[in-house]
């Protein structure tokens, strides 16, 4: 956030303050408190799904790396020799 424009920082701070004031006023009403709890629940579920997507993507990449290593060993030492005659590191 340090490289952002001053106007953008001011707008961000203003929007954040507006959200905090609105949530404070909404929380005083019973329906507002329920709405805030529901919004937090939806946000938590969404963040959990995003985290699992990242974990799944990393495991998929790791499985691909392991598969390449296993295939290289299955083909023998000639699989470690590059097309141009160089040995892969």
Protein backbone atom coordinates (compact mmCIF):
# COMPACT_ATOMS: atom_id res chain seq x y z
CA UNK A 1 0.00 0.00 0.00
CA UNK A 2 3.02 2.25 0.26
CA UNK A 3 3.28 2.72 -3.52
CA UNK A 4 -0.35 3.78 -3.95
CA UNK A 5 -1.59 7.30 -4.67
CA UNK A 6 -2.69 9.58 -1.83
CA UNK A 7 -6.21 9.80 -3.27
CA UNK A 8 -6.49 6.03 -3.28
CA UNK A 9 -5.33 5.86 0.34
CA UNK A 10 -7.89 8.49 1.37
CA UNK A 11 -10.71 6.70 -0.45
CA UNK A 12 -9.70 3.38 1.11
CA UNK A 13 -9.66 4.89 4.60
CA UNK A 14 -13.01 6.56 3.97
CA UNK A 15 -14.61 3.37 2.72
CA UNK A 16 -13.22 1.43 5.66
CA UNK A 17 -14.58 4.01 8.11
CA UNK A 18 -17.97 3.94 6.36
CA UNK A 19 -18.11 0.15 6.61
CA UNK A 20 -17.18 0.25 10.30
CA UNK A 21 -19.79 2.89 11.12
CA UNK A 22 -22.47 1.11 9.09
CA UNK A 23 -21.70 -2.22 10.73
CA UNK A 24 -21.78 -0.60 14.16
CA UNK A 25 -25.20 0.90 13.48
CA UNK A 26 -26.46 -2.32 11.91
CA UNK A 27 -25.23 -4.43 14.82
CA UNK A 28 -27.47 -2.52 17.21
CA UNK A 29 -30.53 -3.88 15.45
CA UNK A 30 -31.38 -7.55 15.85
CA UNK A 31 -31.77 -8.16 12.10
CA UNK A 32 -28.49 -6.32 11.54
CA UNK A 33 -26.69 -8.60 13.97
CA UNK A 34 -28.06 -11.64 12.17
CA UNK A 35 -27.02 -10.19 8.81
CA UNK A 36 -23.49 -9.54 10.06
CA UNK A 37 -23.20 -13.08 11.44
CA UNK A 38 -24.44 -14.47 8.14
CA UNK A 39 -21.98 -12.33 6.19
CA UNK A 40 -19.12 -13.52 8.41
CA UNK A 41 -20.19 -17.13 7.93
CA UNK A 42 -20.30 -16.74 4.14
CA UNK A 43 -16.90 -15.02 4.16
CA UNK A 44 -15.39 -17.77 6.32
CA UNK A 45 -16.72 -20.51 4.04
CA UNK A 46 -15.45 -18.64 0.98
CA UNK A 47 -11.97 -18.24 2.50
CA UNK A 48 -11.90 -21.94 3.42
CA UNK A 49 -12.76 -22.94 -0.14
CA UNK A 50 -10.06 -20.62 -1.53
CA UNK A 51 -7.50 -22.06 0.90
CA UNK A 52 -8.39 -25.60 -0.15
CA UNK A 53 -8.04 -24.60 -3.81
CA UNK A 54 -4.52 -23.37 -3.13
CA UNK A 55 -3.61 -26.53 -1.22
CA UNK A 56 -5.03 -28.69 -4.00
CA UNK A 57 -3.09 -26.77 -6.65
CA UNK A 58 0.17 -27.19 -4.73
CA UNK A 59 -0.45 -30.91 -4.21
CA UNK A 60 -1.23 -31.30 -7.92
CA UNK A 61 2.06 -29.59 -8.85
CA UNK A 62 3.95 -31.74 -6.35
CA UNK A 63 2.33 -34.90 -7.76
CA UNK A 64 3.41 -33.82 -11.25
CA UNK A 65 6.98 -33.37 -10.10
CA UNK A 66 6.99 -36.77 -8.40
CA UNK A 67 5.46 -38.39 -11.50
CA UNK A 68 8.25 -36.96 -13.66
CA UNK A 69 10.83 -38.33 -11.24
CA UNK A 70 9.19 -41.78 -11.22
CA UNK A 71 8.88 -41.85 -15.03
CA UNK A 72 12.51 -40.82 -15.35
CA UNK A 73 13.62 -43.71 -13.15
CA UNK A 74 11.36 -46.16 -14.94
CA UNK A 75 12.89 -45.32 -18.31
CA UNK A 76 16.39 -45.75 -16.97
CA UNK A 77 19.51 -43.62 -17.28
CA UNK A 78 18.80 -42.75 -20.93
CA UNK A 79 15.83 -40.65 -19.71
CA UNK A 80 18.27 -38.40 -17.91
CA UNK A 81 20.16 -37.60 -21.13
CA UNK A 82 18.88 -34.53 -22.92
CA UNK A 83 18.00 -34.51 -26.65
CA UNK A 84 20.98 -32.28 -27.33
CA UNK A 85 23.35 -34.75 -25.71
CA UNK A 86 23.66 -32.95 -22.39
CA UNK A 87 22.89 -34.58 -19.10
CA UNK A 88 19.94 -33.15 -17.16
CA UNK A 89 20.78 -31.86 -13.72
